[in-house]
């Protein structure tokens, strides 16, 4: 039962999870890492190849860029931010997760949000934004403003949507917009 678990028990459930077929192809489930409690929670889509290999979120080039972005607004994953993904196992070929995979992982993310108690959630990428906000809107229409997430514990948590660091590495021209999103997240 995910709802009653403490942080360590939740981590163990994620690492042992076999609720969907993604468990068959993973090296490591990627639970998440960072500060607890956290000022911010960063939510990405799913682990990639490096994350699957190391069992940690946002490692490799995307993680380096994310760390630099957080540092630019005076934050770090060690002191201020908890980082997690919607999906805890890498989809084959980095494809988008399927609805049944999201459904299997969703209770884990909801409990993480409850336990981490972030003041703010920064959602990176279209897929993670659509999942957390329950919409099919484009990232362009979601970014640039504050949203609210109704947390399982009854709190309304401000949410800022931005581009995924992997996208920013491919499209550096969008870094200015991502900077605007970070600045928005630091307000209020």
N, C-alpha and C. Protein backbone atom coordinates (compact mmCIF):
# COMPACT_ATOMS: atom_id res chain seq x y z
N UNK A 1 0.85 -1.20 0.00
CA UNK A 1 0.00 0.00 0.00
C UNK A 1 0.88 1.24 0.00
N UNK A 2 0.84 2.00 -1.08
CA UNK A 2 1.71 3.16 -1.24
C UNK A 2 1.33 4.29 -0.28
N UNK A 3 0.04 4.50 -0.04
CA UNK A 3 -0.42 5.66 0.72
C UNK A 3 0.15 5.74 2.13
N UNK A 4 0.42 4.62 2.75
CA UNK A 4 0.87 4.62 4.15
C UNK A 4 2.38 4.52 4.30
N UNK A 5 3.11 4.46 3.21
CA UNK A 5 4.54 4.21 3.29
C UNK A 5 5.33 5.45 3.67
N UNK A 6 6.43 5.21 4.42
CA UNK A 6 7.39 6.29 4.67
C UNK A 6 8.36 6.32 3.49
N UNK A 7 9.30 7.22 3.54
CA UNK A 7 10.18 7.46 2.39
C UNK A 7 11.00 6.22 2.04
N UNK A 8 11.61 5.59 3.02
CA UNK A 8 12.46 4.43 2.74
C UNK A 8 11.66 3.24 2.23
N UNK A 9 10.48 3.03 2.79
CA UNK A 9 9.62 1.93 2.32
C UNK A 9 9.14 2.21 0.90
N UNK A 10 8.84 3.46 0.59
CA UNK A 10 8.42 3.83 -0.76
C UNK A 10 9.55 3.57 -1.75
N UNK A 11 10.76 3.97 -1.39
CA UNK A 11 11.93 3.72 -2.26
C UNK A 11 12.05 2.22 -2.54
N UNK A 12 11.92 1.41 -1.52
CA UNK A 12 12.05 -0.04 -1.67
C UNK A 12 10.94 -0.59 -2.58
N UNK A 13 9.72 -0.07 -2.44
CA UNK A 13 8.62 -0.51 -3.32
C UNK A 13 8.94 -0.18 -4.77
N UNK A 14 9.47 1.01 -5.02
CA UNK A 14 9.80 1.41 -6.40
C UNK A 14 10.90 0.49 -6.95
N UNK A 15 11.92 0.24 -6.15
CA UNK A 15 13.04 -0.57 -6.62
C UNK A 15 12.63 -2.01 -6.90
N UNK A 16 11.60 -2.50 -6.22
CA UNK A 16 11.13 -3.88 -6.40
C UNK A 16 9.90 -3.97 -7.32
N UNK A 17 9.42 -2.86 -7.83
CA UNK A 17 8.15 -2.82 -8.56
C UNK A 17 8.17 -3.70 -9.81
N UNK A 18 7.06 -4.42 -10.01
CA UNK A 18 6.84 -5.20 -11.23
C UNK A 18 5.43 -4.94 -11.77
N UNK A 19 4.90 -3.74 -11.50
CA UNK A 19 3.51 -3.43 -11.83
C UNK A 19 3.25 -3.28 -13.33
N UNK A 20 4.29 -3.04 -14.12
CA UNK A 20 4.11 -2.95 -15.57
C UNK A 20 5.31 -3.62 -16.25
N UNK A 21 5.24 -3.74 -17.54
CA UNK A 21 6.28 -4.44 -18.28
C UNK A 21 7.63 -3.75 -18.32
N UNK A 22 7.70 -2.48 -17.95
CA UNK A 22 8.99 -1.77 -18.00
C UNK A 22 10.02 -2.40 -17.07
N UNK A 23 9.57 -3.08 -16.04
CA UNK A 23 10.51 -3.70 -15.09
C UNK A 23 11.38 -4.75 -15.78
N UNK A 24 10.88 -5.34 -16.86
CA UNK A 24 11.61 -6.41 -17.54
C UNK A 24 12.84 -5.92 -18.28
N UNK A 25 12.87 -4.65 -18.67
CA UNK A 25 14.00 -4.15 -19.44
C UNK A 25 14.91 -3.21 -18.68
N UNK A 26 14.62 -2.97 -17.42
CA UNK A 26 15.42 -1.99 -16.69
C UNK A 26 16.68 -2.61 -16.08
N UNK A 27 17.67 -1.76 -15.91
CA UNK A 27 18.80 -2.11 -15.06
C UNK A 27 18.48 -1.70 -13.64
N UNK A 28 18.01 -0.44 -13.51
CA UNK A 28 17.64 0.10 -12.20
C UNK A 28 16.34 0.89 -12.32
N UNK A 29 15.47 0.74 -11.36
CA UNK A 29 14.37 1.69 -11.22
C UNK A 29 15.01 2.97 -10.66
N UNK A 30 14.50 4.11 -11.08
CA UNK A 30 15.06 5.40 -10.65
C UNK A 30 14.05 6.07 -9.73
N UNK A 31 14.31 5.98 -8.45
CA UNK A 31 13.38 6.50 -7.45
C UNK A 31 13.36 8.03 -7.44
N UNK A 32 14.51 8.62 -7.41
CA UNK A 32 14.64 10.07 -7.28
C UNK A 32 15.71 10.38 -6.27
N UNK A 33 16.06 11.67 -6.17
CA UNK A 33 17.10 12.06 -5.21
C UNK A 33 16.99 13.54 -4.90
N UNK A 34 17.55 13.91 -3.76
CA UNK A 34 17.62 15.32 -3.43
C UNK A 34 17.25 15.61 -2.00
N UNK A 35 16.96 16.88 -1.77
CA UNK A 35 16.66 17.39 -0.43
C UNK A 35 15.29 16.91 0.05
N UNK A 36 15.17 16.70 1.36
CA UNK A 36 13.90 16.36 1.98
C UNK A 36 13.83 17.03 3.34
N UNK A 37 12.83 17.80 3.64
CA UNK A 37 11.87 18.32 2.66
C UNK A 37 12.57 19.23 1.66
N UNK A 38 11.90 19.54 0.58
CA UNK A 38 12.52 20.32 -0.48
C UNK A 38 11.73 21.59 -0.75
N UNK A 39 12.46 22.65 -1.08
CA UNK A 39 11.78 23.88 -1.52
C UNK A 39 11.07 23.63 -2.85
N UNK A 40 11.78 22.95 -3.75
CA UNK A 40 11.24 22.63 -5.07
C UNK A 40 11.28 21.13 -5.29
N UNK A 41 10.33 20.66 -6.09
CA UNK A 41 10.41 19.32 -6.63
C UNK A 41 10.47 19.48 -8.14
N UNK A 42 11.45 18.85 -8.76
CA UNK A 42 11.57 18.85 -10.21
C UNK A 42 11.06 17.50 -10.70
N UNK A 43 10.12 17.53 -11.64
CA UNK A 43 9.53 16.30 -12.16
C UNK A 43 9.79 16.22 -13.66
N UNK A 44 10.50 15.18 -14.06
CA UNK A 44 10.76 14.91 -15.47
C UNK A 44 9.87 13.78 -15.95
N UNK A 45 10.15 13.31 -17.14
CA UNK A 45 9.30 12.29 -17.78
C UNK A 45 9.64 10.89 -17.32
N UNK A 46 10.83 10.42 -17.67
CA UNK A 46 11.22 9.03 -17.40
C UNK A 46 12.74 8.96 -17.47
N UNK A 47 13.32 7.93 -16.85
CA UNK A 47 14.77 7.78 -16.96
C UNK A 47 15.20 7.51 -18.39
N UNK A 48 16.38 8.02 -18.71
CA UNK A 48 17.02 7.70 -19.98
C UNK A 48 18.08 6.64 -19.77
N UNK A 49 18.94 6.46 -20.75
CA UNK A 49 19.94 5.39 -20.68
C UNK A 49 20.90 5.56 -19.50
N UNK A 50 21.42 6.78 -19.31
CA UNK A 50 22.36 7.00 -18.21
C UNK A 50 21.67 6.85 -16.85
N UNK A 51 20.45 7.32 -16.75
CA UNK A 51 19.70 7.21 -15.50
C UNK A 51 19.44 5.74 -15.17
N UNK A 52 19.07 4.96 -16.17
CA UNK A 52 18.83 3.53 -15.99
C UNK A 52 20.13 2.84 -15.55
N UNK A 53 21.22 3.25 -16.11
CA UNK A 53 22.52 2.64 -15.78
C UNK A 53 22.94 2.96 -14.35
N UNK A 54 22.71 4.23 -13.92
CA UNK A 54 23.20 4.66 -12.61
C UNK A 54 22.14 4.60 -11.51
N UNK A 55 20.87 4.51 -11.89
CA UNK A 55 19.81 4.47 -10.89
C UNK A 55 19.52 5.82 -10.27
N UNK A 56 19.92 6.90 -10.94
CA UNK A 56 19.73 8.26 -10.44
C UNK A 56 19.09 9.12 -11.52
N UNK A 57 18.27 10.11 -11.11
CA UNK A 57 17.60 10.97 -12.10
C UNK A 57 18.51 12.08 -12.63
N UNK A 58 18.30 12.42 -13.87
CA UNK A 58 18.97 13.56 -14.49
C UNK A 58 20.48 13.52 -14.28
N UNK A 59 21.10 12.49 -14.84
CA UNK A 59 22.55 12.42 -14.89
C UNK A 59 22.95 12.58 -16.35
N UNK A 60 24.20 12.70 -16.62
CA UNK A 60 24.64 12.93 -17.99
C UNK A 60 24.47 14.40 -18.36
N UNK A 61 24.43 14.67 -19.65
CA UNK A 61 24.40 16.06 -20.13
C UNK A 61 23.15 16.81 -19.67
N UNK A 62 22.00 16.15 -19.72
CA UNK A 62 20.76 16.81 -19.27
C UNK A 62 20.85 17.17 -17.79
N UNK A 63 21.39 16.28 -17.00
CA UNK A 63 21.54 16.54 -15.57
C UNK A 63 22.51 17.67 -15.28
N UNK A 64 23.59 17.74 -16.06
CA UNK A 64 24.55 18.83 -15.88
C UNK A 64 23.89 20.17 -16.20
N UNK A 65 23.09 20.19 -17.27
CA UNK A 65 22.38 21.43 -17.61
C UNK A 65 21.36 21.77 -16.53
N UNK A 66 20.61 20.78 -16.05
CA UNK A 66 19.65 21.04 -14.98
C UNK A 66 20.35 21.60 -13.75
N UNK A 67 21.46 21.00 -13.36
CA UNK A 67 22.20 21.50 -12.19
C UNK A 67 22.64 22.94 -12.40
N UNK A 68 23.10 23.26 -13.61
CA UNK A 68 23.52 24.64 -13.90
C UNK A 68 22.32 25.59 -13.85
N UNK A 69 21.18 25.15 -14.36
CA UNK A 69 19.97 25.98 -14.33
C UNK A 69 19.56 26.26 -12.88
N UNK A 70 19.56 25.21 -12.06
CA UNK A 70 19.19 25.37 -10.65
C UNK A 70 20.17 26.29 -9.94
N UNK A 71 21.45 26.09 -10.21
CA UNK A 71 22.49 26.92 -9.59
C UNK A 71 22.31 28.40 -9.94
N UNK A 72 21.86 28.67 -11.16
CA UNK A 72 21.67 30.05 -11.61
C UNK A 72 20.60 30.79 -10.80
N UNK A 73 19.71 30.03 -10.16
CA UNK A 73 18.68 30.65 -9.30
C UNK A 73 18.92 30.31 -7.82
N UNK A 74 20.17 29.94 -7.51
CA UNK A 74 20.56 29.73 -6.12
C UNK A 74 20.04 28.44 -5.50
N UNK A 75 19.79 27.42 -6.31
CA UNK A 75 19.26 26.15 -5.81
C UNK A 75 20.22 25.02 -6.16
N UNK A 76 20.13 23.93 -5.39
CA UNK A 76 20.90 22.73 -5.72
C UNK A 76 20.09 21.50 -5.33
N UNK A 77 20.38 20.39 -6.03
CA UNK A 77 19.66 19.16 -5.72
C UNK A 77 20.03 18.64 -4.33
N UNK A 78 21.19 19.00 -3.82
CA UNK A 78 21.60 18.54 -2.50
C UNK A 78 20.85 19.28 -1.39
N UNK A 79 20.64 20.59 -1.55
CA UNK A 79 20.13 21.41 -0.46
C UNK A 79 18.68 21.85 -0.60
N UNK A 80 18.17 21.99 -1.83
CA UNK A 80 16.89 22.65 -2.04
C UNK A 80 15.87 21.89 -2.85
N UNK A 81 16.30 20.93 -3.65
CA UNK A 81 15.45 20.35 -4.70
C UNK A 81 15.43 18.83 -4.59
N UNK A 82 14.25 18.25 -4.76
CA UNK A 82 14.13 16.81 -4.93
C UNK A 82 13.75 16.57 -6.38
N UNK A 83 14.44 15.63 -7.03
CA UNK A 83 14.24 15.36 -8.45
C UNK A 83 13.66 13.96 -8.63
N UNK A 84 12.57 13.88 -9.38
CA UNK A 84 11.93 12.59 -9.66
C UNK A 84 11.38 12.61 -11.08
N UNK A 85 10.91 11.47 -11.52
CA UNK A 85 10.28 11.34 -12.83
C UNK A 85 8.87 10.79 -12.67
N UNK A 86 8.03 11.05 -13.66
CA UNK A 86 6.69 10.47 -13.68
C UNK A 86 6.81 8.95 -13.70
N UNK A 87 7.65 8.42 -14.58
CA UNK A 87 7.88 6.99 -14.73
C UNK A 87 9.21 6.65 -14.10
N UNK A 88 9.27 5.55 -13.38
CA UNK A 88 10.47 5.20 -12.62
C UNK A 88 11.42 4.25 -13.35
N UNK A 89 10.99 3.68 -14.48
CA UNK A 89 11.82 2.78 -15.28
C UNK A 89 11.91 3.32 -16.71
N UNK A 90 13.03 3.06 -17.36
CA UNK A 90 13.25 3.57 -18.71
C UNK A 90 12.39 2.83 -19.73
N UNK A 91 11.59 3.59 -20.49
CA UNK A 91 10.86 2.96 -21.61
C UNK A 91 11.86 2.57 -22.71
N UNK A 92 11.64 1.46 -23.40
CA UNK A 92 12.55 1.03 -24.47
C UNK A 92 12.72 2.13 -25.52
N UNK A 93 13.97 2.39 -25.88
CA UNK A 93 14.25 3.38 -26.91
C UNK A 93 13.81 4.78 -26.54
N UNK A 94 13.62 5.03 -25.26
CA UNK A 94 13.16 6.34 -24.76
C UNK A 94 11.82 6.77 -25.36
N UNK A 95 10.99 5.81 -25.70
CA UNK A 95 9.66 6.13 -26.22
C UNK A 95 8.83 6.77 -25.10
N UNK A 96 7.71 7.40 -25.48
CA UNK A 96 6.80 7.95 -24.48
C UNK A 96 6.18 6.81 -23.68
N UNK A 97 6.03 7.01 -22.38
CA UNK A 97 5.37 5.98 -21.57
C UNK A 97 3.92 5.78 -22.01
N UNK A 98 3.45 4.55 -21.85
CA UNK A 98 2.07 4.20 -22.19
C UNK A 98 1.15 4.53 -21.01
N UNK A 99 -0.14 4.74 -21.26
CA UNK A 99 -1.08 5.06 -20.18
C UNK A 99 -1.04 4.06 -19.02
N UNK A 100 -0.91 2.77 -19.31
CA UNK A 100 -0.88 1.79 -18.23
C UNK A 100 0.40 1.89 -17.40
N UNK A 101 1.49 2.33 -18.02
CA UNK A 101 2.74 2.54 -17.29
C UNK A 101 2.63 3.76 -16.37
N UNK A 102 2.00 4.80 -16.88
CA UNK A 102 1.75 5.99 -16.07
C UNK A 102 0.87 5.64 -14.87
N UNK A 103 -0.18 4.87 -15.14
CA UNK A 103 -1.09 4.47 -14.07
C UNK A 103 -0.37 3.66 -13.00
N UNK A 104 0.57 2.80 -13.42
CA UNK A 104 1.30 1.98 -12.47
C UNK A 104 2.25 2.81 -11.60
N UNK A 105 2.85 3.83 -12.19
CA UNK A 105 3.83 4.66 -11.46
C UNK A 105 3.21 5.85 -10.73
N UNK A 106 2.06 6.28 -11.14
CA UNK A 106 1.46 7.49 -10.57
C UNK A 106 1.36 7.49 -9.05
N UNK A 107 0.95 6.40 -8.42
CA UNK A 107 0.88 6.42 -6.95
C UNK A 107 2.23 6.71 -6.29
N UNK A 108 3.31 6.25 -6.91
CA UNK A 108 4.64 6.52 -6.36
C UNK A 108 4.95 8.01 -6.39
N UNK A 109 4.69 8.65 -7.54
CA UNK A 109 4.96 10.08 -7.66
C UNK A 109 4.08 10.88 -6.70
N UNK A 110 2.81 10.52 -6.60
CA UNK A 110 1.91 11.24 -5.69
C UNK A 110 2.39 11.14 -4.24
N UNK A 111 2.85 9.95 -3.85
CA UNK A 111 3.35 9.79 -2.49
C UNK A 111 4.67 10.54 -2.30
N UNK A 112 5.52 10.57 -3.33
CA UNK A 112 6.75 11.36 -3.23
C UNK A 112 6.43 12.82 -2.99
N UNK A 113 5.46 13.35 -3.73
CA UNK A 113 5.07 14.76 -3.55
C UNK A 113 4.58 14.98 -2.13
N UNK A 114 3.80 14.05 -1.63
CA UNK A 114 3.29 14.16 -0.26
C UNK A 114 4.41 14.16 0.77
N UNK A 115 5.38 13.29 0.60
CA UNK A 115 6.47 13.15 1.57
C UNK A 115 7.51 14.27 1.47
N UNK A 116 7.78 14.73 0.25
CA UNK A 116 8.79 15.77 0.04
C UNK A 116 8.26 17.15 0.44
N UNK A 117 6.94 17.34 0.32
CA UNK A 117 6.28 18.60 0.69
C UNK A 117 6.93 19.84 0.04
N UNK A 118 7.05 19.82 -1.29
CA UNK A 118 7.69 20.96 -1.95
C UNK A 118 6.82 22.22 -1.88
N UNK A 119 7.49 23.36 -1.84
CA UNK A 119 6.79 24.64 -1.92
C UNK A 119 6.36 24.91 -3.36
N UNK A 120 7.10 24.33 -4.33
CA UNK A 120 6.91 24.57 -5.74
C UNK A 120 7.27 23.31 -6.51
N UNK A 121 6.61 23.09 -7.63
CA UNK A 121 6.97 21.98 -8.52
C UNK A 121 7.37 22.58 -9.87
N UNK A 122 8.54 22.19 -10.35
CA UNK A 122 9.01 22.57 -11.67
C UNK A 122 8.91 21.32 -12.54
N UNK A 123 8.05 21.38 -13.55
CA UNK A 123 7.80 20.24 -14.42
C UNK A 123 8.56 20.46 -15.72
N UNK A 124 9.37 19.46 -16.10
CA UNK A 124 10.23 19.60 -17.27
C UNK A 124 9.77 18.69 -18.40
N UNK A 125 9.34 19.31 -19.48
CA UNK A 125 8.95 18.56 -20.66
C UNK A 125 7.45 18.40 -20.82
N UNK A 126 7.04 18.26 -22.06
CA UNK A 126 5.62 18.17 -22.42
C UNK A 126 4.94 17.00 -21.74
N UNK A 127 5.55 15.86 -21.82
CA UNK A 127 4.90 14.67 -21.29
C UNK A 127 4.67 14.77 -19.78
N UNK A 128 5.68 15.18 -19.04
CA UNK A 128 5.54 15.31 -17.59
C UNK A 128 4.51 16.38 -17.24
N UNK A 129 4.51 17.48 -17.99
CA UNK A 129 3.54 18.55 -17.74
C UNK A 129 2.12 18.06 -17.98
N UNK A 130 1.91 17.38 -19.09
CA UNK A 130 0.57 16.88 -19.40
C UNK A 130 0.10 15.88 -18.35
N UNK A 131 1.01 15.03 -17.88
CA UNK A 131 0.65 14.02 -16.88
C UNK A 131 0.29 14.67 -15.55
N UNK A 132 1.15 15.55 -15.06
CA UNK A 132 0.94 16.13 -13.74
C UNK A 132 -0.25 17.09 -13.72
N UNK A 133 -0.47 17.79 -14.82
CA UNK A 133 -1.56 18.77 -14.86
C UNK A 133 -2.85 18.20 -15.45
N UNK A 134 -2.81 16.96 -15.92
CA UNK A 134 -4.02 16.33 -16.45
C UNK A 134 -4.57 17.04 -17.67
N UNK A 135 -3.69 17.32 -18.63
CA UNK A 135 -4.10 18.07 -19.82
C UNK A 135 -3.39 17.50 -21.04
N UNK A 136 -3.88 17.84 -22.21
CA UNK A 136 -3.15 17.48 -23.43
C UNK A 136 -2.63 18.74 -24.13
N UNK A 137 -2.59 19.85 -23.40
CA UNK A 137 -2.11 21.12 -23.96
C UNK A 137 -0.63 21.02 -24.31
N UNK A 138 -0.21 21.86 -25.24
CA UNK A 138 1.19 21.89 -25.64
C UNK A 138 2.03 22.57 -24.56
N UNK A 139 3.31 22.28 -24.58
CA UNK A 139 4.18 22.91 -23.59
C UNK A 139 4.23 24.43 -23.81
N UNK A 140 4.16 24.84 -25.07
CA UNK A 140 4.17 26.28 -25.36
C UNK A 140 3.01 27.01 -24.72
N UNK A 141 1.85 26.35 -24.64
CA UNK A 141 0.69 26.99 -24.03
C UNK A 141 0.69 26.85 -22.51
N UNK A 142 1.47 25.92 -21.97
CA UNK A 142 1.50 25.70 -20.52
C UNK A 142 2.58 26.51 -19.81
N UNK A 143 3.69 26.78 -20.50
CA UNK A 143 4.79 27.48 -19.85
C UNK A 143 4.50 28.99 -19.79
N UNK A 144 5.25 29.67 -18.94
CA UNK A 144 5.11 31.12 -18.85
C UNK A 144 4.06 31.60 -17.86
N UNK A 145 3.43 30.67 -17.14
CA UNK A 145 2.46 31.07 -16.13
C UNK A 145 2.44 30.03 -15.01
N UNK A 146 1.87 30.41 -13.89
CA UNK A 146 1.80 29.54 -12.73
C UNK A 146 0.53 28.69 -12.80
N UNK A 147 0.68 27.41 -12.53
CA UNK A 147 -0.44 26.47 -12.44
C UNK A 147 -0.56 26.03 -10.98
N UNK A 148 -1.60 25.30 -10.67
CA UNK A 148 -1.77 24.74 -9.32
C UNK A 148 -1.91 23.24 -9.42
N UNK A 149 -1.25 22.54 -8.51
CA UNK A 149 -1.39 21.09 -8.42
C UNK A 149 -2.06 20.77 -7.10
N UNK A 150 -3.17 20.06 -7.17
CA UNK A 150 -3.88 19.64 -5.96
C UNK A 150 -3.21 18.38 -5.43
N UNK A 151 -2.37 18.55 -4.42
CA UNK A 151 -1.60 17.43 -3.86
C UNK A 151 -2.52 16.47 -3.11
N UNK A 152 -2.09 15.22 -3.00
CA UNK A 152 -2.90 14.23 -2.28
C UNK A 152 -3.17 14.62 -0.81
N UNK A 153 -2.30 15.43 -0.24
CA UNK A 153 -2.48 15.83 1.16
C UNK A 153 -3.36 17.07 1.31
N UNK A 154 -3.97 17.52 0.20
CA UNK A 154 -4.89 18.64 0.25
C UNK A 154 -4.27 20.00 -0.03
N UNK A 155 -2.96 20.07 -0.11
CA UNK A 155 -2.31 21.35 -0.41
C UNK A 155 -2.40 21.66 -1.90
N UNK A 156 -2.48 22.95 -2.23
CA UNK A 156 -2.34 23.39 -3.61
C UNK A 156 -0.91 23.88 -3.78
N UNK A 157 -0.18 23.23 -4.67
CA UNK A 157 1.23 23.55 -4.87
C UNK A 157 1.39 24.27 -6.20
N UNK A 158 2.04 25.45 -6.20
CA UNK A 158 2.29 26.14 -7.46
C UNK A 158 3.19 25.29 -8.37
N UNK A 159 2.84 25.25 -9.65
CA UNK A 159 3.58 24.48 -10.64
C UNK A 159 4.01 25.40 -11.77
N UNK A 160 5.28 25.28 -12.16
CA UNK A 160 5.82 25.98 -13.31
C UNK A 160 6.26 24.93 -14.32
N UNK A 161 5.87 25.10 -15.56
CA UNK A 161 6.21 24.18 -16.65
C UNK A 161 7.34 24.79 -17.47
N UNK A 162 8.33 23.97 -17.80
CA UNK A 162 9.41 24.44 -18.65
C UNK A 162 9.87 23.32 -19.57
N UNK A 163 10.84 23.66 -20.41
CA UNK A 163 11.38 22.70 -21.36
C UNK A 163 12.30 21.71 -20.66
N UNK A 164 12.32 20.49 -21.16
CA UNK A 164 13.23 19.47 -20.64
C UNK A 164 14.66 19.84 -21.04
N UNK A 165 15.63 19.63 -20.15
CA UNK A 165 17.02 19.95 -20.50
C UNK A 165 17.51 19.25 -21.77
N UNK A 166 17.06 18.03 -22.04
CA UNK A 166 17.47 17.34 -23.28
C UNK A 166 17.01 18.13 -24.51
N UNK A 167 15.81 18.70 -24.43
CA UNK A 167 15.31 19.53 -25.53
C UNK A 167 16.16 20.79 -25.66
N UNK A 168 16.53 21.39 -24.53
CA UNK A 168 17.34 22.61 -24.56
C UNK A 168 18.72 22.34 -25.16
N UNK A 169 19.25 21.14 -24.95
CA UNK A 169 20.54 20.80 -25.55
C UNK A 169 20.41 20.71 -27.07
N UNK A 170 19.25 20.27 -27.55
CA UNK A 170 19.01 20.18 -29.00
C UNK A 170 18.58 21.52 -29.59
N UNK A 171 17.97 22.37 -28.77
CA UNK A 171 17.41 23.65 -29.24
C UNK A 171 17.86 24.78 -28.32
N UNK A 172 19.14 25.13 -28.35
CA UNK A 172 19.67 26.12 -27.40
C UNK A 172 18.96 27.48 -27.47
N UNK A 173 18.32 27.78 -28.58
CA UNK A 173 17.61 29.06 -28.71
C UNK A 173 16.49 29.17 -27.67
N UNK A 174 15.99 28.04 -27.16
CA UNK A 174 14.90 28.05 -26.17
C UNK A 174 15.38 28.28 -24.74
N UNK A 175 16.70 28.36 -24.54
CA UNK A 175 17.22 28.55 -23.18
C UNK A 175 16.75 29.85 -22.56
N UNK A 176 16.54 30.88 -23.37
CA UNK A 176 16.04 32.15 -22.82
C UNK A 176 14.65 31.97 -22.23
N UNK A 177 13.80 31.20 -22.90
CA UNK A 177 12.46 30.94 -22.36
C UNK A 177 12.54 30.09 -21.09
N UNK A 178 13.44 29.12 -21.07
CA UNK A 178 13.62 28.30 -19.87
C UNK A 178 14.09 29.17 -18.70
N UNK A 179 14.93 30.16 -18.98
CA UNK A 179 15.38 31.09 -17.94
C UNK A 179 14.18 31.89 -17.40
N UNK A 180 13.30 32.32 -18.28
CA UNK A 180 12.08 33.01 -17.84
C UNK A 180 11.25 32.12 -16.93
N UNK A 181 11.16 30.84 -17.26
CA UNK A 181 10.40 29.89 -16.44
C UNK A 181 11.03 29.74 -15.05
N UNK A 182 12.34 29.65 -15.02
CA UNK A 182 13.03 29.54 -13.72
C UNK A 182 12.80 30.78 -12.88
N UNK A 183 12.86 31.93 -13.51
CA UNK A 183 12.62 33.19 -12.78
C UNK A 183 11.19 33.21 -12.24
N UNK A 184 10.23 32.75 -13.03
CA UNK A 184 8.85 32.66 -12.59
C UNK A 184 8.72 31.75 -11.36
N UNK A 185 9.44 30.63 -11.39
CA UNK A 185 9.38 29.67 -10.29
C UNK A 185 9.96 30.25 -9.00
N UNK A 186 10.87 31.21 -9.10
CA UNK A 186 11.48 31.78 -7.89
C UNK A 186 10.58 32.83 -7.24
N UNK A 187 9.57 33.30 -7.95
CA UNK A 187 8.67 34.31 -7.39
C UNK A 187 7.63 33.70 -6.47
N UNK A 188 7.13 34.55 -5.58
CA UNK A 188 6.00 34.17 -4.73
C UNK A 188 6.34 33.12 -3.76
